Amino acid sequence: MNPFDVILPSSIPGLKLMYIFVNKRLDKVWREYSNYVESLSCLPRTTLIFPILFSELDFYESLLNRIIRILPEEDLHELQNAYYFSDW
């Protein structure tokens, strides 16, 4: 799926919820990737896992950037200050 095909909410509250969801999803994918790589003792037989992971990360990063461009600056700052999305 193309991140530019995703229909974004038309309301600010909807965009804010989607911003939170996408940030949490990005954090989860990065955490899964990091845990996977850290657990490797040798390279896997197939390295196709890496393009898949990075495609997923790219999808969510692009979607997040679309949301950021639409959200008013004060709402974006409120979200960034109210939520810490990383569980690391």
N, C-alpha and C. Protein backbone atom coordinates (compact mmCIF):
# COMPACT_ATOMS: atom_id res chain seq x y z
N MET A 1 0.84 -1.17 0.00
CA MET A 1 0.00 0.00 0.00
C MET A 1 0.89 1.24 0.00
N ASN A 2 0.44 2.24 -0.67
CA ASN A 2 1.14 3.50 -0.76
C ASN A 2 0.66 4.42 0.38
N PRO A 3 1.56 5.04 1.13
CA PRO A 3 1.12 5.91 2.23
C PRO A 3 0.34 7.13 1.74
N PHE A 4 0.46 7.45 0.48
CA PHE A 4 -0.26 8.60 -0.06
C PHE A 4 -1.67 8.22 -0.50
N ASP A 5 -1.99 6.93 -0.46
CA ASP A 5 -3.34 6.45 -0.76
C ASP A 5 -4.21 6.40 0.49
N VAL A 6 -3.59 6.49 1.66
CA VAL A 6 -4.34 6.44 2.91
C VAL A 6 -5.13 7.73 3.06
N ILE A 7 -6.42 7.58 3.30
CA ILE A 7 -7.28 8.76 3.50
C ILE A 7 -7.13 9.21 4.95
N LEU A 8 -6.70 10.45 5.11
CA LEU A 8 -6.50 11.00 6.45
C LEU A 8 -7.80 11.57 6.98
N PRO A 9 -7.95 11.57 8.31
CA PRO A 9 -9.14 12.18 8.90
C PRO A 9 -9.22 13.66 8.53
N SER A 10 -10.44 14.16 8.42
CA SER A 10 -10.61 15.57 8.05
C SER A 10 -10.65 16.48 9.27
N SER A 11 -10.80 15.91 10.46
CA SER A 11 -10.87 16.73 11.67
C SER A 11 -9.51 16.75 12.37
N ILE A 12 -9.27 17.81 13.10
CA ILE A 12 -8.03 17.93 13.89
C ILE A 12 -7.96 16.83 14.96
N PRO A 13 -9.06 16.57 15.71
CA PRO A 13 -8.99 15.48 16.69
C PRO A 13 -8.67 14.12 16.04
N GLY A 14 -9.22 13.88 14.87
CA GLY A 14 -8.94 12.64 14.15
C GLY A 14 -7.48 12.56 13.72
N LEU A 15 -6.94 13.67 13.25
CA LEU A 15 -5.54 13.72 12.85
C LEU A 15 -4.63 13.50 14.06
N LYS A 16 -5.01 14.06 15.19
CA LYS A 16 -4.21 13.90 16.40
C LYS A 16 -4.19 12.44 16.84
N LEU A 17 -5.34 11.77 16.77
CA LEU A 17 -5.39 10.36 17.12
C LEU A 17 -4.55 9.52 16.16
N MET A 18 -4.62 9.86 14.90
CA MET A 18 -3.83 9.12 13.91
C MET A 18 -2.34 9.36 14.13
N TYR A 19 -1.96 10.58 14.49
CA TYR A 19 -0.57 10.91 14.80
C TYR A 19 -0.07 10.03 15.94
N ILE A 20 -0.88 9.89 16.98
CA ILE A 20 -0.51 9.06 18.12
C ILE A 20 -0.38 7.61 17.70
N PHE A 21 -1.36 7.12 16.94
CA PHE A 21 -1.32 5.73 16.48
C PHE A 21 -0.09 5.44 15.64
N VAL A 22 0.20 6.30 14.68
CA VAL A 22 1.33 6.08 13.78
C VAL A 22 2.65 6.14 14.55
N ASN A 23 2.77 7.07 15.49
CA ASN A 23 3.98 7.14 16.30
C ASN A 23 4.18 5.88 17.12
N LYS A 24 3.11 5.38 17.71
CA LYS A 24 3.22 4.14 18.50
C LYS A 24 3.59 2.96 17.61
N ARG A 25 3.03 2.92 16.41
CA ARG A 25 3.35 1.84 15.48
C ARG A 25 4.81 1.92 15.03
N LEU A 26 5.28 3.12 14.74
CA LEU A 26 6.69 3.30 14.36
C LEU A 26 7.62 2.83 15.48
N ASP A 27 7.30 3.19 16.68
CA ASP A 27 8.12 2.78 17.81
C ASP A 27 8.15 1.26 17.92
N LYS A 28 6.99 0.63 17.73
CA LYS A 28 6.91 -0.83 17.82
C LYS A 28 7.74 -1.49 16.73
N VAL A 29 7.66 -0.99 15.50
CA VAL A 29 8.43 -1.59 14.41
C VAL A 29 9.93 -1.41 14.66
N TRP A 30 10.36 -0.22 15.10
CA TRP A 30 11.78 -0.01 15.40
C TRP A 30 12.24 -0.94 16.52
N ARG A 31 11.40 -1.11 17.53
CA ARG A 31 11.75 -1.99 18.65
C ARG A 31 11.88 -3.44 18.17
N GLU A 32 10.93 -3.89 17.34
CA GLU A 32 11.00 -5.24 16.80
C GLU A 32 12.26 -5.43 15.96
N TYR A 33 12.57 -4.45 15.13
CA TYR A 33 13.76 -4.53 14.29
C TYR A 33 15.02 -4.58 15.15
N SER A 34 15.11 -3.70 16.13
CA SER A 34 16.29 -3.66 17.00
C SER A 34 16.47 -4.96 17.77
N ASN A 35 15.38 -5.48 18.31
CA ASN A 35 15.46 -6.74 19.04
C ASN A 35 15.89 -7.88 18.12
N TYR A 36 15.37 -7.88 16.91
CA TYR A 36 15.74 -8.91 15.94
C TYR A 36 17.23 -8.85 15.61
N VAL A 37 17.70 -7.66 15.31
CA VAL A 37 19.11 -7.50 14.92
C VAL A 37 20.03 -7.82 16.10
N GLU A 38 19.66 -7.36 17.28
CA GLU A 38 20.50 -7.63 18.45
C GLU A 38 20.57 -9.12 18.78
N SER A 39 19.55 -9.87 18.42
CA SER A 39 19.53 -11.29 18.73
C SER A 39 20.27 -12.14 17.69
N LEU A 40 20.66 -11.53 16.59
CA LEU A 40 21.36 -12.29 15.54
C LEU A 40 22.78 -12.64 15.98
N SER A 41 23.12 -13.89 15.85
CA SER A 41 24.51 -14.27 16.09
C SER A 41 25.24 -14.41 14.75
N CYS A 42 24.46 -14.60 13.70
CA CYS A 42 25.01 -14.60 12.34
C CYS A 42 23.90 -14.12 11.40
N LEU A 43 24.30 -13.71 10.25
CA LEU A 43 23.31 -13.21 9.29
C LEU A 43 22.34 -14.32 8.90
N PRO A 44 21.07 -13.97 8.75
CA PRO A 44 20.09 -14.98 8.34
C PRO A 44 20.35 -15.45 6.91
N ARG A 45 19.83 -16.61 6.59
CA ARG A 45 20.00 -17.13 5.23
C ARG A 45 19.37 -16.19 4.22
N THR A 46 18.28 -15.63 4.57
CA THR A 46 17.64 -14.67 3.69
C THR A 46 17.75 -13.28 4.30
N THR A 47 18.18 -12.37 3.53
CA THR A 47 18.25 -10.99 4.01
C THR A 47 17.05 -10.19 3.55
N LEU A 48 16.04 -10.88 3.05
CA LEU A 48 14.83 -10.19 2.59
C LEU A 48 14.06 -9.55 3.74
N ILE A 49 14.33 -9.98 4.95
CA ILE A 49 13.64 -9.39 6.10
C ILE A 49 13.95 -7.91 6.22
N PHE A 50 15.14 -7.51 5.85
CA PHE A 50 15.53 -6.11 6.01
C PHE A 50 14.76 -5.18 5.06
N PRO A 51 14.63 -5.50 3.78
CA PRO A 51 13.81 -4.63 2.92
C PRO A 51 12.35 -4.57 3.38
N ILE A 52 11.84 -5.68 3.91
CA ILE A 52 10.46 -5.68 4.39
C ILE A 52 10.33 -4.73 5.57
N LEU A 53 11.23 -4.84 6.53
CA LEU A 53 11.19 -3.96 7.70
C LEU A 53 11.33 -2.50 7.31
N PHE A 54 12.28 -2.22 6.43
CA PHE A 54 12.50 -0.82 6.06
C PHE A 54 11.37 -0.28 5.20
N SER A 55 10.71 -1.13 4.45
CA SER A 55 9.54 -0.69 3.69
C SER A 55 8.41 -0.29 4.65
N GLU A 56 8.24 -1.09 5.70
CA GLU A 56 7.21 -0.77 6.68
C GLU A 56 7.54 0.53 7.41
N LEU A 57 8.79 0.70 7.78
CA LEU A 57 9.20 1.94 8.44
C LEU A 57 9.00 3.14 7.52
N ASP A 58 9.36 3.00 6.27
CA ASP A 58 9.20 4.08 5.31
C ASP A 58 7.72 4.43 5.14
N PHE A 59 6.86 3.42 5.10
CA PHE A 59 5.43 3.66 4.98
C PHE A 59 4.93 4.53 6.13
N TYR A 60 5.24 4.12 7.35
CA TYR A 60 4.74 4.86 8.51
C TYR A 60 5.40 6.24 8.65
N GLU A 61 6.66 6.36 8.29
CA GLU A 61 7.32 7.67 8.32
C GLU A 61 6.67 8.63 7.32
N SER A 62 6.37 8.13 6.12
CA SER A 62 5.72 8.96 5.10
C SER A 62 4.33 9.37 5.55
N LEU A 63 3.60 8.43 6.13
CA LEU A 63 2.26 8.73 6.63
C LEU A 63 2.32 9.77 7.75
N LEU A 64 3.27 9.61 8.64
CA LEU A 64 3.44 10.57 9.73
C LEU A 64 3.77 11.96 9.20
N ASN A 65 4.61 12.03 8.19
CA ASN A 65 4.95 13.33 7.61
C ASN A 65 3.76 14.00 6.96
N ARG A 66 2.89 13.21 6.36
CA ARG A 66 1.66 13.79 5.79
C ARG A 66 0.80 14.41 6.90
N ILE A 67 0.69 13.71 8.01
CA ILE A 67 -0.11 14.21 9.14
C ILE A 67 0.52 15.48 9.71
N ILE A 68 1.83 15.47 9.87
CA ILE A 68 2.54 16.62 10.43
C ILE A 68 2.34 17.87 9.58
N ARG A 69 2.32 17.70 8.26
CA ARG A 69 2.15 18.85 7.37
C ARG A 69 0.76 19.47 7.50
N ILE A 70 -0.23 18.68 7.92
CA ILE A 70 -1.60 19.17 8.02
C ILE A 70 -1.91 19.74 9.40
N LEU A 71 -1.37 19.11 10.44
CA LEU A 71 -1.69 19.55 11.81
C LEU A 71 -1.20 20.96 12.07
N PRO A 72 -2.04 21.77 12.71
CA PRO A 72 -1.57 23.10 13.11
C PRO A 72 -0.38 22.97 14.07
N GLU A 73 0.51 23.93 14.00
CA GLU A 73 1.75 23.87 14.77
C GLU A 73 1.51 23.75 16.27
N GLU A 74 0.52 24.46 16.79
CA GLU A 74 0.26 24.40 18.23
C GLU A 74 -0.23 23.01 18.65
N ASP A 75 -1.03 22.35 17.81
CA ASP A 75 -1.48 21.00 18.12
C ASP A 75 -0.32 20.00 18.05
N LEU A 76 0.55 20.20 17.09
CA LEU A 76 1.71 19.33 16.95
C LEU A 76 2.62 19.46 18.17
N HIS A 77 2.86 20.68 18.62
CA HIS A 77 3.70 20.89 19.81
C HIS A 77 3.03 20.30 21.05
N GLU A 78 1.72 20.42 21.13
CA GLU A 78 0.99 19.83 22.25
C GLU A 78 1.18 18.31 22.28
N LEU A 79 1.06 17.68 21.11
CA LEU A 79 1.24 16.23 21.04
C LEU A 79 2.67 15.83 21.38
N GLN A 80 3.62 16.56 20.87
CA GLN A 80 5.02 16.22 21.12
C GLN A 80 5.39 16.40 22.59
N ASN A 81 4.77 17.37 23.24
CA ASN A 81 5.06 17.60 24.66
C ASN A 81 4.27 16.68 25.58
N ALA A 82 3.07 16.25 25.15
CA ALA A 82 2.20 15.44 26.00
C ALA A 82 2.55 13.96 25.93
N TYR A 83 3.10 13.53 24.80
CA TYR A 83 3.35 12.10 24.62
C TYR A 83 4.83 11.88 24.32
N TYR A 84 5.33 10.88 24.99
CA TYR A 84 6.68 10.41 24.67
C TYR A 84 6.48 9.05 24.05
N PHE A 85 6.72 8.92 22.75
CA PHE A 85 6.31 7.75 22.02
C PHE A 85 7.27 6.58 22.12
N SER A 86 8.46 6.81 22.53
CA SER A 86 9.42 5.72 22.58
C SER A 86 9.36 5.00 23.93
N ASP A 87 9.37 3.69 23.87
CA ASP A 87 9.42 2.88 25.09
C ASP A 87 10.83 2.42 25.40
N TRP A 88 11.81 2.99 24.74
CA TRP A 88 13.19 2.53 24.87
C TRP A 88 13.81 3.03 26.15
